[in-house]
């Protein structure tokens, strides 16, 4: 079963910032590669959200490590996956506010 997908405003802004950073630092080719991999990961989350561990039990928030640099935090409930935020894994984890 494929879940419906919803992005929070925060997650959409995080993704936009990621794409802007990639374009500025790495160019179009790398940006296209990374965004395609990211889209594949989002599809995997939509199809099988239960494959990803719950990291905040009380809120039922799951984490997908999309790359060594980026994690995706999301919830899955009632046929909908909601992307909450993208997080740069190189940051201090205490900066993550969910």
C-alpha atoms as a PDB file:
ATOM      1  CA  UNK A   1       0.000   0.000   0.000  1.00  0.00           C
ATOM      2  CA  UNK A   2       1.339   3.398  -0.955  1.00  0.00           C
ATOM      3  CA  UNK A   3       0.657   6.139   1.565  1.00  0.00           C
ATOM      4  CA  UNK A   4      -0.373   9.650   0.579  1.00  0.00           C
ATOM      5  CA  UNK A   5       2.453  12.145   0.989  1.00  0.00           C
ATOM      6  CA  UNK A   6       2.307  15.472   2.778  1.00  0.00           C
ATOM      7  CA  UNK A   7       5.157  17.884   3.511  1.00  0.00           C
ATOM      8  CA  UNK A   8       5.147  20.345   6.359  1.00  0.00           C
ATOM      9  CA  UNK A   9       6.167  23.871   5.495  1.00  0.00           C
ATOM     10  CA  UNK A  10       9.335  23.341   7.510  1.00  0.00           C
ATOM     11  CA  UNK A  11      10.268  20.206   5.545  1.00  0.00           C
ATOM     12  CA  UNK A  12       9.589  21.922   2.215  1.00  0.00           C
ATOM     13  CA  UNK A  13      11.846  24.809   3.261  1.00  0.00           C
ATOM     14  CA  UNK A  14      14.547  22.367   4.399  1.00  0.00           C
ATOM     15  CA  UNK A  15      14.426  20.615   1.022  1.00  0.00           C
ATOM     16  CA  UNK A  16      14.592  23.915  -0.865  1.00  0.00           C
ATOM     17  CA  UNK A  17      17.633  24.967   1.177  1.00  0.00           C
ATOM     18  CA  UNK A  18      19.296  21.615   0.493  1.00  0.00           C
ATOM     19  CA  UNK A  19      18.779  21.963  -3.269  1.00  0.00           C
ATOM     20  CA  UNK A  20      20.045  25.561  -3.227  1.00  0.00           C
ATOM     21  CA  UNK A  21      23.149  24.486  -1.297  1.00  0.00           C
ATOM     22  CA  UNK A  22      23.847  21.611  -3.685  1.00  0.00           C
ATOM     23  CA  UNK A  23      23.479  23.861  -6.734  1.00  0.00           C
ATOM     24  CA  UNK A  24      25.814  26.469  -5.259  1.00  0.00           C
ATOM     25  CA  UNK A  25      28.497  24.093  -3.988  1.00  0.00           C
ATOM     26  CA  UNK A  26      28.331  21.115  -6.361  1.00  0.00           C
ATOM     27  CA  UNK A  27      26.573  22.188  -9.550  1.00  0.00           C
ATOM     28  CA  UNK A  28      23.649  20.939 -11.582  1.00  0.00           C
ATOM     29  CA  UNK A  29      24.806  17.369 -12.266  1.00  0.00           C
ATOM     30  CA  UNK A  30      25.381  16.452  -8.616  1.00  0.00           C
ATOM     31  CA  UNK A  31      22.166  18.224  -7.601  1.00  0.00           C
ATOM     32  CA  UNK A  32      20.172  16.156 -10.093  1.00  0.00           C
ATOM     33  CA  UNK A  33      21.775  12.928  -8.838  1.00  0.00           C
ATOM     34  CA  UNK A  34      21.069  13.759  -5.198  1.00  0.00           C
ATOM     35  CA  UNK A  35      17.478  14.857  -5.825  1.00  0.00           C
ATOM     36  CA  UNK A  36      16.762  11.679  -7.802  1.00  0.00           C
ATOM     37  CA  UNK A  37      18.145   9.559  -4.962  1.00  0.00           C
ATOM     38  CA  UNK A  38      16.090  11.620  -2.529  1.00  0.00           C
ATOM     39  CA  UNK A  39      12.901  11.050  -4.557  1.00  0.00           C
ATOM     40  CA  UNK A  40      13.626   7.306  -4.584  1.00  0.00           C
ATOM     41  CA  UNK A  41      13.984   7.393  -0.791  1.00  0.00           C
ATOM     42  CA  UNK A  42      10.700   9.287  -0.385  1.00  0.00           C
ATOM     43  CA  UNK A  43       8.967   6.661  -2.559  1.00  0.00           C
ATOM     44  CA  UNK A  44      10.398   3.923  -0.325  1.00  0.00           C
ATOM     45  CA  UNK A  45       9.078   5.756   2.756  1.00  0.00           C
ATOM     46  CA  UNK A  46       5.638   6.063   1.127  1.00  0.00           C
ATOM     47  CA  UNK A  47       5.529   2.370   0.266  1.00  0.00           C
ATOM     48  CA  UNK A  48       6.949   0.985   3.522  1.00  0.00           C
ATOM     49  CA  UNK A  49       7.084   3.523   6.352  1.00  0.00           C
ATOM     50  CA  UNK A  50       7.139   0.719   8.930  1.00  0.00           C
ATOM     51  CA  UNK A  51      10.633  -0.255   7.741  1.00  0.00           C
ATOM     52  CA  UNK A  52      12.037   2.801   9.479  1.00  0.00           C
ATOM     53  CA  UNK A  53      12.538   2.947  13.232  1.00  0.00           C
ATOM     54  CA  UNK A  54      10.446   5.059  15.536  1.00  0.00           C
ATOM     55  CA  UNK A  55      12.866   7.436  17.257  1.00  0.00           C
ATOM     56  CA  UNK A  56      10.385   9.470  19.307  1.00  0.00           C
ATOM     57  CA  UNK A  57       7.865   6.988  20.638  1.00  0.00           C
ATOM     58  CA  UNK A  58       5.411   9.455  22.187  1.00  0.00           C
ATOM     59  CA  UNK A  59       4.924  11.303  18.869  1.00  0.00           C
ATOM     60  CA  UNK A  60       5.443   8.196  16.667  1.00  0.00           C
ATOM     61  CA  UNK A  61       8.164   9.980  14.708  1.00  0.00           C
ATOM     62  CA  UNK A  62      10.276   7.822  12.432  1.00  0.00           C
ATOM     63  CA  UNK A  63      13.715   8.460  10.965  1.00  0.00           C
ATOM     64  CA  UNK A  64      15.111   7.557   7.577  1.00  0.00           C
ATOM     65  CA  UNK A  65      18.804   8.116   6.954  1.00  0.00           C
ATOM     66  CA  UNK A  66      18.590   9.306   3.350  1.00  0.00           C
ATOM     67  CA  UNK A  67      22.353   9.791   3.037  1.00  0.00           C
ATOM     68  CA  UNK A  68      25.314  10.054   5.385  1.00  0.00           C
ATOM     69  CA  UNK A  69      24.587  13.786   5.519  1.00  0.00           C
ATOM     70  CA  UNK A  70      20.773  13.895   5.729  1.00  0.00           C
ATOM     71  CA  UNK A  71      18.000  12.254   7.737  1.00  0.00           C
ATOM     72  CA  UNK A  72      14.293  12.539   7.065  1.00  0.00           C
ATOM     73  CA  UNK A  73      11.922  12.661  10.034  1.00  0.00           C
ATOM     74  CA  UNK A  74       8.321  11.713   9.387  1.00  0.00           C
ATOM     75  CA  UNK A  75       5.115  10.273  10.773  1.00  0.00           C
ATOM     76  CA  UNK A  76       2.863   7.683   9.145  1.00  0.00           C
ATOM     77  CA  UNK A  77      -0.742   7.399  10.180  1.00  0.00           C
ATOM     78  CA  UNK A  78      -4.131   6.715   8.570  1.00  0.00           C
ATOM     79  CA  UNK A  79      -2.733   6.258   5.075  1.00  0.00           C
ATOM     80  CA  UNK A  80      -0.634   9.437   5.092  1.00  0.00           C
ATOM     81  CA  UNK A  81       3.098   9.963   5.462  1.00  0.00           C
ATOM     82  CA  UNK A  82       3.940  13.447   6.676  1.00  0.00           C
ATOM     83  CA  UNK A  83       7.509  14.628   6.164  1.00  0.00           C
ATOM     84  CA  UNK A  84       8.299  16.763   9.220  1.00  0.00           C
ATOM     85  CA  UNK A  85      11.852  17.918   8.599  1.00  0.00           C
ATOM     86  CA  UNK A  86      15.176  17.138   6.988  1.00  0.00           C
ATOM     87  CA  UNK A  87      18.173  17.224   9.284  1.00  0.00           C
ATOM     88  CA  UNK A  88      21.861  17.562   8.505  1.00  0.00           C
ATOM     89  CA  UNK A  89      23.459  14.656  10.391  1.00  0.00           C
ATOM     90  CA  UNK A  90      26.691  16.619  10.791  1.00  0.00           C
ATOM     91  CA  UNK A  91      24.960  19.034  13.178  1.00  0.00           C
ATOM     92  CA  UNK A  92      24.685  18.649  16.905  1.00  0.00           C
ATOM     93  CA  UNK A  93      21.607  16.412  17.431  1.00  0.00           C
ATOM     94  CA  UNK A  94      20.453  18.751  20.198  1.00  0.00           C
ATOM     95  CA  UNK A  95      19.594  21.275  17.464  1.00  0.00           C
ATOM     96  CA  UNK A  96      16.847  18.981  16.193  1.00  0.00           C
ATOM     97  CA  UNK A  97      13.515  20.241  17.470  1.00  0.00           C
ATOM     98  CA  UNK A  98      10.519  18.005  16.787  1.00  0.00           C
END
